[in-house]
């Protein structure tokens, strides 16, 4: 099985992929386009978390659009259903993974640039400021009414048989702090695997053996019923990519995530469940979602 991740050298040697720049800042969403216009990979198109990957209304802070809405947005960016796509950001794939997940859920061949923009530059790749000329792609075929591979709050409340993994920072999971949502804590029974623990100091994916140790320490066995969530269904997509990279079953995504759960009055747990150890505290500088 092809890994969801691709290194910068491979991207540079292959002129065919469509490149998508998925950088994003919570505290300044407009910064992403400004940074893109200042410098991006040659040929890249800017994909906005707020405008292209999120519906105007729905459960959670970043609700999924319908597949038809997403496909139309991608076609307007010149992304065809049969194209090969590489998505990057500057946070180790934390935001690029959302676009990757949405593309692959609809059958598009997509990968995440390991190490993102910084890895590209470190490998000698150039950045350009010129806009990319784009011609709209044909409409995508055979779209389902909703994204496959997702679960709803109703699914979880009614007694989901699989495990839950919370990809947020330990302090948010434990309920010690909540900088964004109105309630602190986590969904009862969820284990904690902060997504940034999967990345090294250069925000590149850790080695396979180390990743397996991290997942084992979090008590995660391969399970097609496993559900991942975060603050709003964005950074948890990186957990999906990593588990696919390791050859594990693709986890399901609770797209509404904590932002929907706590606002809808779902039960809340704080501290660490006996069956769900958290990992040692990470650097603590990763962006919330």
C-alpha atoms as a PDB file:
ATOM      1  CA  UNK A   1       0.000   0.000   0.000  1.00  0.00           C
ATOM      2  CA  UNK A   2       1.291   3.475  -0.903  1.00  0.00           C
ATOM      3  CA  UNK A   3       2.069   5.668   2.093  1.00  0.00           C
ATOM      4  CA  UNK A   4      -0.025   8.820   2.524  1.00  0.00           C
ATOM      5  CA  UNK A   5       3.271  10.693   2.910  1.00  0.00           C
ATOM      6  CA  UNK A   6       5.765  11.711   0.243  1.00  0.00           C
ATOM      7  CA  UNK A   7       9.157  13.349   0.697  1.00  0.00           C
ATOM      8  CA  UNK A   8      10.209  16.615  -0.879  1.00  0.00           C
ATOM      9  CA  UNK A   9      12.741  15.006  -3.212  1.00  0.00           C
ATOM     10  CA  UNK A  10      10.074  12.792  -4.744  1.00  0.00           C
ATOM     11  CA  UNK A  11       7.779  15.769  -5.306  1.00  0.00           C
ATOM     12  CA  UNK A  12      10.589  17.704  -6.931  1.00  0.00           C
ATOM     13  CA  UNK A  13      11.355  14.832  -9.298  1.00  0.00           C
ATOM     14  CA  UNK A  14       7.737  14.438 -10.396  1.00  0.00           C
ATOM     15  CA  UNK A  15       6.154  17.324 -12.341  1.00  0.00           C
ATOM     16  CA  UNK A  16       2.709  15.759 -12.506  1.00  0.00           C
ATOM     17  CA  UNK A  17       1.032  16.176  -9.096  1.00  0.00           C
ATOM     18  CA  UNK A  18      -1.330  19.046  -8.412  1.00  0.00           C
ATOM     19  CA  UNK A  19       0.080  20.918  -5.413  1.00  0.00           C
ATOM     20  CA  UNK A  20      -2.204  22.386  -2.750  1.00  0.00           C
ATOM     21  CA  UNK A  21      -0.988  24.813  -0.088  1.00  0.00           C
ATOM     22  CA  UNK A  22      -3.100  24.260   3.048  1.00  0.00           C
ATOM     23  CA  UNK A  23      -1.394  26.546   5.559  1.00  0.00           C
ATOM     24  CA  UNK A  24      -3.669  28.036   8.231  1.00  0.00           C
ATOM     25  CA  UNK A  25      -3.517  30.076  11.448  1.00  0.00           C
ATOM     26  CA  UNK A  26      -6.289  29.962  14.023  1.00  0.00           C
ATOM     27  CA  UNK A  27      -5.635  33.456  15.358  1.00  0.00           C
ATOM     28  CA  UNK A  28      -5.288  35.048  11.894  1.00  0.00           C
ATOM     29  CA  UNK A  29      -7.020  33.063   9.123  1.00  0.00           C
ATOM     30  CA  UNK A  30      -6.175  35.737   6.539  1.00  0.00           C
ATOM     31  CA  UNK A  31      -2.476  35.175   7.140  1.00  0.00           C
ATOM     32  CA  UNK A  32      -2.556  31.916   5.184  1.00  0.00           C
ATOM     33  CA  UNK A  33      -3.304  33.596   1.869  1.00  0.00           C
ATOM     34  CA  UNK A  34      -0.798  36.361   2.585  1.00  0.00           C
ATOM     35  CA  UNK A  35       1.911  33.800   3.284  1.00  0.00           C
ATOM     36  CA  UNK A  36       0.942  31.897   0.143  1.00  0.00           C
ATOM     37  CA  UNK A  37       1.181  35.022  -1.972  1.00  0.00           C
ATOM     38  CA  UNK A  38       4.583  35.816  -0.456  1.00  0.00           C
ATOM     39  CA  UNK A  39       5.998  32.410  -1.347  1.00  0.00           C
ATOM     40  CA  UNK A  40       4.736  28.947  -2.258  1.00  0.00           C
ATOM     41  CA  UNK A  41       5.856  25.836  -4.104  1.00  0.00           C
ATOM     42  CA  UNK A  42       5.925  26.366  -7.872  1.00  0.00           C
ATOM     43  CA  UNK A  43       2.539  25.577  -9.371  1.00  0.00           C
ATOM     44  CA  UNK A  44       0.752  25.322  -6.021  1.00  0.00           C
ATOM     45  CA  UNK A  45      -2.840  26.458  -5.542  1.00  0.00           C
ATOM     46  CA  UNK A  46      -4.054  27.856  -2.235  1.00  0.00           C
ATOM     47  CA  UNK A  47      -6.712  25.803  -0.461  1.00  0.00           C
ATOM     48  CA  UNK A  48      -8.451  27.532   2.431  1.00  0.00           C
ATOM     49  CA  UNK A  49      -9.551  25.578   5.482  1.00  0.00           C
ATOM     50  CA  UNK A  50     -12.325  28.089   6.060  1.00  0.00           C
ATOM     51  CA  UNK A  51     -13.528  28.504   2.480  1.00  0.00           C
ATOM     52  CA  UNK A  52     -12.779  25.183   0.739  1.00  0.00           C
ATOM     53  CA  UNK A  53     -12.664  22.552   3.482  1.00  0.00           C
ATOM     54  CA  UNK A  54     -15.428  23.773   5.818  1.00  0.00           C
ATOM     55  CA  UNK A  55     -19.170  24.269   5.399  1.00  0.00           C
ATOM     56  CA  UNK A  56     -20.699  27.620   6.414  1.00  0.00           C
ATOM     57  CA  UNK A  57     -22.918  25.841   8.929  1.00  0.00           C
ATOM     58  CA  UNK A  58     -23.001  22.488  10.638  1.00  0.00           C
ATOM     59  CA  UNK A  59     -21.868  20.613  13.743  1.00  0.00           C
ATOM     60  CA  UNK A  60     -18.589  21.789  15.222  1.00  0.00           C
ATOM     61  CA  UNK A  61     -16.296  24.665  14.374  1.00  0.00           C
ATOM     62  CA  UNK A  62     -15.160  23.191  11.042  1.00  0.00           C
ATOM     63  CA  UNK A  63     -18.113  21.169   9.739  1.00  0.00           C
ATOM     64  CA  UNK A  64     -17.562  19.141   6.609  1.00  0.00           C
ATOM     65  CA  UNK A  65     -19.165  20.467   3.441  1.00  0.00           C
ATOM     66  CA  UNK A  66     -21.089  18.021   1.300  1.00  0.00           C
ATOM     67  CA  UNK A  67     -18.967  16.009  -1.134  1.00  0.00           C
ATOM     68  CA  UNK A  68     -20.632  17.917  -3.981  1.00  0.00           C
ATOM     69  CA  UNK A  69     -19.690  21.288  -2.468  1.00  0.00           C
ATOM     70  CA  UNK A  70     -16.119  20.166  -1.848  1.00  0.00           C
ATOM     71  CA  UNK A  71     -15.770  18.666  -5.319  1.00  0.00           C
ATOM     72  CA  UNK A  72     -17.015  21.890  -6.899  1.00  0.00           C
ATOM     73  CA  UNK A  73     -14.486  23.906  -4.900  1.00  0.00           C
ATOM     74  CA  UNK A  74     -11.667  21.582  -5.937  1.00  0.00           C
ATOM     75  CA  UNK A  75     -12.741  21.632  -9.594  1.00  0.00           C
ATOM     76  CA  UNK A  76     -12.648  25.446  -9.480  1.00  0.00           C
ATOM     77  CA  UNK A  77      -9.047  25.149  -8.278  1.00  0.00           C
ATOM     78  CA  UNK A  78      -8.295  22.921 -11.254  1.00  0.00           C
ATOM     79  CA  UNK A  79      -8.224  19.682  -9.255  1.00  0.00           C
ATOM     80  CA  UNK A  80      -9.719  16.806 -11.226  1.00  0.00           C
ATOM     81  CA  UNK A  81     -11.032  13.570  -9.737  1.00  0.00           C
ATOM     82  CA  UNK A  82      -8.315  11.592 -11.543  1.00  0.00           C
ATOM     83  CA  UNK A  83      -5.458  13.951 -10.666  1.00  0.00           C
ATOM     84  CA  UNK A  84      -2.633  13.051  -8.333  1.00  0.00           C
ATOM     85  CA  UNK A  85      -2.458  15.610  -5.540  1.00  0.00           C
ATOM     86  CA  UNK A  86       0.170  16.555  -2.966  1.00  0.00           C
ATOM     87  CA  UNK A  87      -0.924  18.750  -0.059  1.00  0.00           C
ATOM     88  CA  UNK A  88       1.438  20.646   2.231  1.00  0.00           C
ATOM     89  CA  UNK A  89       1.466  23.137   5.089  1.00  0.00           C
ATOM     90  CA  UNK A  90       4.108  24.366   7.537  1.00  0.00           C
ATOM     91  CA  UNK A  91       2.926  22.401  10.580  1.00  0.00           C
ATOM     92  CA  UNK A  92       3.967  18.861   9.786  1.00  0.00           C
ATOM     93  CA  UNK A  93       0.746  18.076   7.948  1.00  0.00           C
ATOM     94  CA  UNK A  94      -1.584  19.108  10.789  1.00  0.00           C
ATOM     95  CA  UNK A  95      -3.770  21.088   8.376  1.00  0.00           C
ATOM     96  CA  UNK A  96      -2.785  19.488   5.082  1.00  0.00           C
ATOM     97  CA  UNK A  97      -4.125  16.201   6.446  1.00  0.00           C
ATOM     98  CA  UNK A  98      -7.681  17.581   6.427  1.00  0.00           C
ATOM     99  CA  UNK A  99      -7.503  18.206   2.665  1.00  0.00           C
ATOM    100  CA  UNK A 100      -5.778  14.835   2.175  1.00  0.00           C
ATOM    101  CA  UNK A 101      -8.524  13.076   4.124  1.00  0.00           C
ATOM    102  CA  UNK A 102     -11.337  14.740   2.172  1.00  0.00           C
ATOM    103  CA  UNK A 103      -9.693  14.010  -1.185  1.00  0.00           C
ATOM    104  CA  UNK A 104      -8.917  10.372  -0.456  1.00  0.00           C
ATOM    105  CA  UNK A 105     -12.340   9.782   1.107  1.00  0.00           C
ATOM    106  CA  UNK A 106     -13.774  10.603  -2.334  1.00  0.00           C
ATOM    107  CA  UNK A 107     -11.335   8.407  -4.221  1.00  0.00           C
ATOM    108  CA  UNK A 108      -8.717  10.981  -5.268  1.00  0.00           C
ATOM    109  CA  UNK A 109      -5.069   9.929  -5.175  1.00  0.00           C
ATOM    110  CA  UNK A 110      -3.531  12.349  -2.683  1.00  0.00           C
ATOM    111  CA  UNK A 111      -0.498  12.477  -0.398  1.00  0.00           C
ATOM    112  CA  UNK A 112       0.897  14.766   2.295  1.00  0.00           C
ATOM    113  CA  UNK A 113       4.310  16.382   1.832  1.00  0.00           C
ATOM    114  CA  UNK A 114       6.351  15.107   4.789  1.00  0.00           C
ATOM    115  CA  UNK A 115       7.865  18.085   6.584  1.00  0.00           C
ATOM    116  CA  UNK A 116       5.870  20.479   4.442  1.00  0.00           C
ATOM    117  CA  UNK A 117       7.163  23.773   3.133  1.00  0.00           C
ATOM    118  CA  UNK A 118      10.232  23.748   5.395  1.00  0.00           C
ATOM    119  CA  UNK A 119      11.328  20.345   4.103  1.00  0.00           C
ATOM    120  CA  UNK A 120      10.921  21.596   0.550  1.00  0.00           C
ATOM    121  CA  UNK A 121      13.142  24.611   1.216  1.00  0.00           C
ATOM    122  CA  UNK A 122      15.688  22.550   3.178  1.00  0.00           C
ATOM    123  CA  UNK A 123      15.993  20.221   0.206  1.00  0.00           C
ATOM    124  CA  UNK A 124      16.860  23.115  -2.103  1.00  0.00           C
ATOM    125  CA  UNK A 125      13.371  23.679  -3.482  1.00  0.00           C
ATOM    126  CA  UNK A 126      12.456  27.173  -4.573  1.00  0.00           C
ATOM    127  CA  UNK A 127       9.471  29.248  -3.538  1.00  0.00           C
ATOM    128  CA  UNK A 128       7.697  31.556  -5.957  1.00  0.00           C
ATOM    129  CA  UNK A 129       5.257  34.406  -5.487  1.00  0.00           C
ATOM    130  CA  UNK A 130       3.702  34.368  -8.946  1.00  0.00           C
ATOM    131  CA  UNK A 131       0.071  33.210  -9.013  1.00  0.00           C
ATOM    132  CA  UNK A 132      -0.610  29.839 -10.568  1.00  0.00           C
ATOM    133  CA  UNK A 133      -2.711  29.886 -13.715  1.00  0.00           C
ATOM    134  CA  UNK A 134      -5.648  27.550 -13.159  1.00  0.00           C
ATOM    135  CA  UNK A 135      -8.250  26.180 -15.501  1.00  0.00           C
ATOM    136  CA  UNK A 136     -11.337  24.619 -13.865  1.00  0.00           C
ATOM    137  CA  UNK A 137     -11.430  20.839 -13.960  1.00  0.00           C
ATOM    138  CA  UNK A 138     -14.429  18.792 -15.138  1.00  0.00           C
ATOM    139  CA  UNK A 139     -17.120  17.976 -12.556  1.00  0.00           C
ATOM    140  CA  UNK A 140     -16.313  15.010 -10.364  1.00  0.00           C
ATOM    141  CA  UNK A 141     -18.400  11.854 -10.908  1.00  0.00           C
ATOM    142  CA  UNK A 142     -20.252   9.501  -8.551  1.00  0.00           C
ATOM    143  CA  UNK A 143     -20.281  11.550  -5.365  1.00  0.00           C
ATOM    144  CA  UNK A 144     -21.930  10.137  -2.222  1.00  0.00           C
ATOM    145  CA  UNK A 145     -24.397  12.290  -0.234  1.00  0.00           C
ATOM    146  CA  UNK A 146     -21.970  12.522   2.720  1.00  0.00           C
ATOM    147  CA  UNK A 147     -18.325  11.808   3.283  1.00  0.00           C
ATOM    148  CA  UNK A 148     -17.672   8.116   3.898  1.00  0.00           C
ATOM    149  CA  UNK A 149     -15.549   7.117   6.856  1.00  0.00           C
ATOM    150  CA  UNK A 150     -17.247   9.393   9.362  1.00  0.00           C
ATOM    151  CA  UNK A 151     -19.320   8.903  12.492  1.00  0.00           C
ATOM    152  CA  UNK A 152     -21.775  11.295  14.098  1.00  0.00           C
ATOM    153  CA  UNK A 153     -22.359  12.301  17.691  1.00  0.00           C
ATOM    154  CA  UNK A 154     -25.524  10.175  17.570  1.00  0.00           C
ATOM    155  CA  UNK A 155     -23.416   7.147  16.608  1.00  0.00           C
ATOM    156  CA  UNK A 156     -21.158   7.665  19.617  1.00  0.00           C
ATOM    157  CA  UNK A 157     -23.918   8.426  22.098  1.00  0.00           C
ATOM    158  CA  UNK A 158     -25.853   5.310  21.075  1.00  0.00           C
ATOM    159  CA  UNK A 159     -22.963   3.053  22.068  1.00  0.00           C
ATOM    160  CA  UNK A 160     -20.209   2.897  19.480  1.00  0.00           C
ATOM    161  CA  UNK A 161     -18.404  -0.462  19.729  1.00  0.00           C
ATOM    162  CA  UNK A 162     -14.955   0.850  18.839  1.00  0.00           C
ATOM    163  CA  UNK A 163     -12.409   2.925  20.710  1.00  0.00           C
ATOM    164  CA  UNK A 164     -11.974   6.701  20.697  1.00  0.00           C
ATOM    165  CA  UNK A 165      -8.733   8.656  20.296  1.00  0.00           C
ATOM    166  CA  UNK A 166      -8.392  12.345  21.161  1.00  0.00           C
ATOM    167  CA  UNK A 167      -5.634  14.061  19.143  1.00  0.00           C
ATOM    168  CA  UNK A 168      -5.543  17.284  21.177  1.00  0.00           C
ATOM    169  CA  UNK A 169      -2.819  18.448  23.557  1.00  0.00           C
ATOM    170  CA  UNK A 170      -2.708  16.649  26.930  1.00  0.00           C
ATOM    171  CA  UNK A 171      -3.751  19.720  28.935  1.00  0.00           C
ATOM    172  CA  UNK A 172      -6.919  20.084  26.860  1.00  0.00           C
ATOM    173  CA  UNK A 173      -7.651  16.374  27.029  1.00  0.00           C
ATOM    174  CA  UNK A 174      -7.193  16.313  30.806  1.00  0.00           C
ATOM    175  CA  UNK A 175      -9.487  19.317  31.206  1.00  0.00           C
ATOM    176  CA  UNK A 176      -6.794  21.515  32.716  1.00  0.00           C
ATOM    177  CA  UNK A 177      -7.244  24.225  30.092  1.00  0.00           C
ATOM    178  CA  UNK A 178      -9.544  24.962  27.176  1.00  0.00           C
ATOM    179  CA  UNK A 179      -8.530  27.955  25.047  1.00  0.00           C
ATOM    180  CA  UNK A 180     -11.222  27.639  22.373  1.00  0.00           C
ATOM    181  CA  UNK A 181     -14.296  25.638  23.281  1.00  0.00           C
ATOM    182  CA  UNK A 182     -16.726  26.376  26.149  1.00  0.00           C
ATOM    183  CA  UNK A 183     -16.108  23.174  28.134  1.00  0.00           C
ATOM    184  CA  UNK A 184     -12.828  21.490  29.101  1.00  0.00           C
ATOM    185  CA  UNK A 185     -12.259  17.738  29.104  1.00  0.00           C
ATOM    186  CA  UNK A 186     -12.760  14.859  26.704  1.00  0.00           C
ATOM    187  CA  UNK A 187     -15.314  12.315  25.551  1.00  0.00           C
ATOM    188  CA  UNK A 188     -15.604   9.624  28.251  1.00  0.00           C
ATOM    189  CA  UNK A 189     -13.340   6.658  27.623  1.00  0.00           C
ATOM    190  CA  UNK A 190     -11.248   8.324  24.935  1.00  0.00           C
ATOM    191  CA  UNK A 191      -7.510   7.780  24.925  1.00  0.00           C
ATOM    192  CA  UNK A 192      -5.111  10.630  24.247  1.00  0.00           C
ATOM    193  CA  UNK A 193      -2.625  10.633  21.379  1.00  0.00           C
ATOM    194  CA  UNK A 194      -1.533  14.225  20.666  1.00  0.00           C
ATOM    195  CA  UNK A 195      -0.911  14.405  16.952  1.00  0.00           C
ATOM    196  CA  UNK A 196       2.385  16.252  17.345  1.00  0.00           C
ATOM    197  CA  UNK A 197       3.903  13.271  19.157  1.00  0.00           C
ATOM    198  CA  UNK A 198       3.957  11.611  15.742  1.00  0.00           C
ATOM    199  CA  UNK A 199       6.359  14.269  14.430  1.00  0.00           C
ATOM    200  CA  UNK A 200      10.011  14.899  15.185  1.00  0.00           C
ATOM    201  CA  UNK A 201      11.648  18.219  16.066  1.00  0.00           C
ATOM    202  CA  UNK A 202      11.674  19.227  12.398  1.00  0.00           C
ATOM    203  CA  UNK A 203       7.954  18.442  12.119  1.00  0.00           C
ATOM    204  CA  UNK A 204       8.644  15.418   9.952  1.00  0.00           C
ATOM    205  CA  UNK A 205       7.029  12.041  10.436  1.00  0.00           C
ATOM    206  CA  UNK A 206       8.854   9.840  12.940  1.00  0.00           C
ATOM    207  CA  UNK A 207      10.212   6.465  11.862  1.00  0.00           C
ATOM    208  CA  UNK A 208       7.951   3.445  11.614  1.00  0.00           C
ATOM    209  CA  UNK A 209       9.367   1.653  14.665  1.00  0.00           C
ATOM    210  CA  UNK A 210       9.058   4.746  16.826  1.00  0.00           C
ATOM    211  CA  UNK A 211       5.497   5.360  15.639  1.00  0.00           C
ATOM    212  CA  UNK A 212       4.514   1.814  16.535  1.00  0.00           C
ATOM    213  CA  UNK A 213       5.919   2.312  20.038  1.00  0.00           C
ATOM    214  CA  UNK A 214       3.971   5.542  20.438  1.00  0.00           C
ATOM    215  CA  UNK A 215       0.714   3.892  19.369  1.00  0.00           C
ATOM    216  CA  UNK A 216       1.393   0.918  21.643  1.00  0.00           C
ATOM    217  CA  UNK A 217       2.007   3.227  24.606  1.00  0.00           C
ATOM    218  CA  UNK A 218      -1.335   4.851  23.884  1.00  0.00           C
ATOM    219  CA  UNK A 219      -2.933   1.406  24.001  1.00  0.00           C
ATOM    220  CA  UNK A 220      -4.076   1.476  20.369  1.00  0.00           C
ATOM    221  CA  UNK A 221      -4.492  -1.823  18.589  1.00  0.00           C
ATOM    222  CA  UNK A 222      -5.420  -2.047  14.894  1.00  0.00           C
ATOM    223  CA  UNK A 223      -9.211  -1.760  14.753  1.00  0.00           C
ATOM    224  CA  UNK A 224     -11.416  -0.713  11.822  1.00  0.00           C
ATOM    225  CA  UNK A 225     -13.948   0.654  14.344  1.00  0.00           C
ATOM    226  CA  UNK A 226     -11.470   3.105  15.888  1.00  0.00           C
ATOM    227  CA  UNK A 227     -12.697   6.728  15.874  1.00  0.00           C
ATOM    228  CA  UNK A 228     -10.406   9.764  15.974  1.00  0.00           C
ATOM    229  CA  UNK A 229     -11.346  13.306  16.947  1.00  0.00           C
ATOM    230  CA  UNK A 230      -9.732  16.580  17.983  1.00  0.00           C
ATOM    231  CA  UNK A 231     -11.116  20.065  18.512  1.00  0.00           C
ATOM    232  CA  UNK A 232     -12.908  20.416  15.201  1.00  0.00           C
ATOM    233  CA  UNK A 233     -12.036  17.467  12.971  1.00  0.00           C
ATOM    234  CA  UNK A 234      -8.874  18.921  11.434  1.00  0.00           C
ATOM    235  CA  UNK A 235      -5.653  17.796  13.139  1.00  0.00           C
ATOM    236  CA  UNK A 236      -7.077  14.348  13.945  1.00  0.00           C
ATOM    237  CA  UNK A 237      -6.921  13.633  10.200  1.00  0.00           C
ATOM    238  CA  UNK A 238      -3.156  13.341  10.671  1.00  0.00           C
ATOM    239  CA  UNK A 239      -3.760  10.325  12.930  1.00  0.00           C
ATOM    240  CA  UNK A 240      -5.742   8.738  10.107  1.00  0.00           C
ATOM    241  CA  UNK A 241      -2.833   9.281   7.722  1.00  0.00           C
ATOM    242  CA  UNK A 242      -0.266   7.875  10.150  1.00  0.00           C
ATOM    243  CA  UNK A 243      -2.261   4.736  10.832  1.00  0.00           C
ATOM    244  CA  UNK A 244      -2.616   4.154   7.094  1.00  0.00           C
ATOM    245  CA  UNK A 245       1.129   4.748   6.759  1.00  0.00           C
ATOM    246  CA  UNK A 246       1.676   1.946   9.276  1.00  0.00           C
ATOM    247  CA  UNK A 247      -0.622  -0.401   7.373  1.00  0.00           C
ATOM    248  CA  UNK A 248      -3.365  -0.254   9.973  1.00  0.00           C
ATOM    249  CA  UNK A 249      -7.086  -0.005   9.147  1.00  0.00           C
ATOM    250  CA  UNK A 250      -8.182   3.530   8.324  1.00  0.00           C
ATOM    251  CA  UNK A 251      -9.810   5.011  11.459  1.00  0.00           C
ATOM    252  CA  UNK A 252     -13.167   6.720  11.266  1.00  0.00           C
ATOM    253  CA  UNK A 253     -13.398  10.467  11.770  1.00  0.00           C
ATOM    254  CA  UNK A 254     -15.755  12.189  14.179  1.00  0.00           C
ATOM    255  CA  UNK A 255     -15.790  15.431  12.224  1.00  0.00           C
ATOM    256  CA  UNK A 256     -17.791  17.449  14.755  1.00  0.00           C
ATOM    257  CA  UNK A 257     -15.206  16.514  17.374  1.00  0.00           C
ATOM    258  CA  UNK A 258     -14.975  18.183  20.783  1.00  0.00           C
ATOM    259  CA  UNK A 259     -16.386  21.484  19.512  1.00  0.00           C
ATOM    260  CA  UNK A 260     -19.686  19.795  18.680  1.00  0.00           C
ATOM    261  CA  UNK A 261     -19.679  17.356  21.588  1.00  0.00           C
ATOM    262  CA  UNK A 262     -19.274  19.907  24.374  1.00  0.00           C
ATOM    263  CA  UNK A 263     -21.676  22.435  22.843  1.00  0.00           C
ATOM    264  CA  UNK A 264     -24.348  19.774  22.389  1.00  0.00           C
ATOM    265  CA  UNK A 265     -24.189  18.749  26.050  1.00  0.00           C
ATOM    266  CA  UNK A 266     -22.372  15.432  25.625  1.00  0.00           C
ATOM    267  CA  UNK A 267     -20.994  13.802  28.790  1.00  0.00           C
ATOM    268  CA  UNK A 268     -17.565  15.056  29.809  1.00  0.00           C
ATOM    269  CA  UNK A 269     -14.638  13.299  31.445  1.00  0.00           C
ATOM    270  CA  UNK A 270     -11.540  14.936  32.893  1.00  0.00           C
ATOM    271  CA  UNK A 271      -8.288  13.408  34.020  1.00  0.00           C
ATOM    272  CA  UNK A 272      -6.948  10.152  32.607  1.00  0.00           C
ATOM    273  CA  UNK A 273      -9.166   7.066  32.290  1.00  0.00           C
ATOM    274  CA  UNK A 274      -7.545   3.963  33.731  1.00  0.00           C
ATOM    275  CA  UNK A 275      -7.853   2.249  30.349  1.00  0.00           C
ATOM    276  CA  UNK A 276      -6.491   5.185  28.359  1.00  0.00           C
ATOM    277  CA  UNK A 277      -2.987   6.348  29.338  1.00  0.00           C
ATOM    278  CA  UNK A 278      -1.813   9.598  27.816  1.00  0.00           C
ATOM    279  CA  UNK A 279       1.640  10.077  26.449  1.00  0.00           C
ATOM    280  CA  UNK A 280       4.321  12.132  28.127  1.00  0.00           C
ATOM    281  CA  UNK A 281       3.748  15.824  27.658  1.00  0.00           C
ATOM    282  CA  UNK A 282       4.861  17.034  24.242  1.00  0.00           C
ATOM    283  CA  UNK A 283       6.395  20.417  23.461  1.00  0.00           C
ATOM    284  CA  UNK A 284       3.014  22.055  23.930  1.00  0.00           C
ATOM    285  CA  UNK A 285       3.418  24.487  21.045  1.00  0.00           C
ATOM    286  CA  UNK A 286       1.191  22.801  18.518  1.00  0.00           C
ATOM    287  CA  UNK A 287      -1.763  24.739  17.142  1.00  0.00           C
ATOM    288  CA  UNK A 288      -5.226  23.821  18.372  1.00  0.00           C
ATOM    289  CA  UNK A 289      -7.950  22.827  15.946  1.00  0.00           C
END
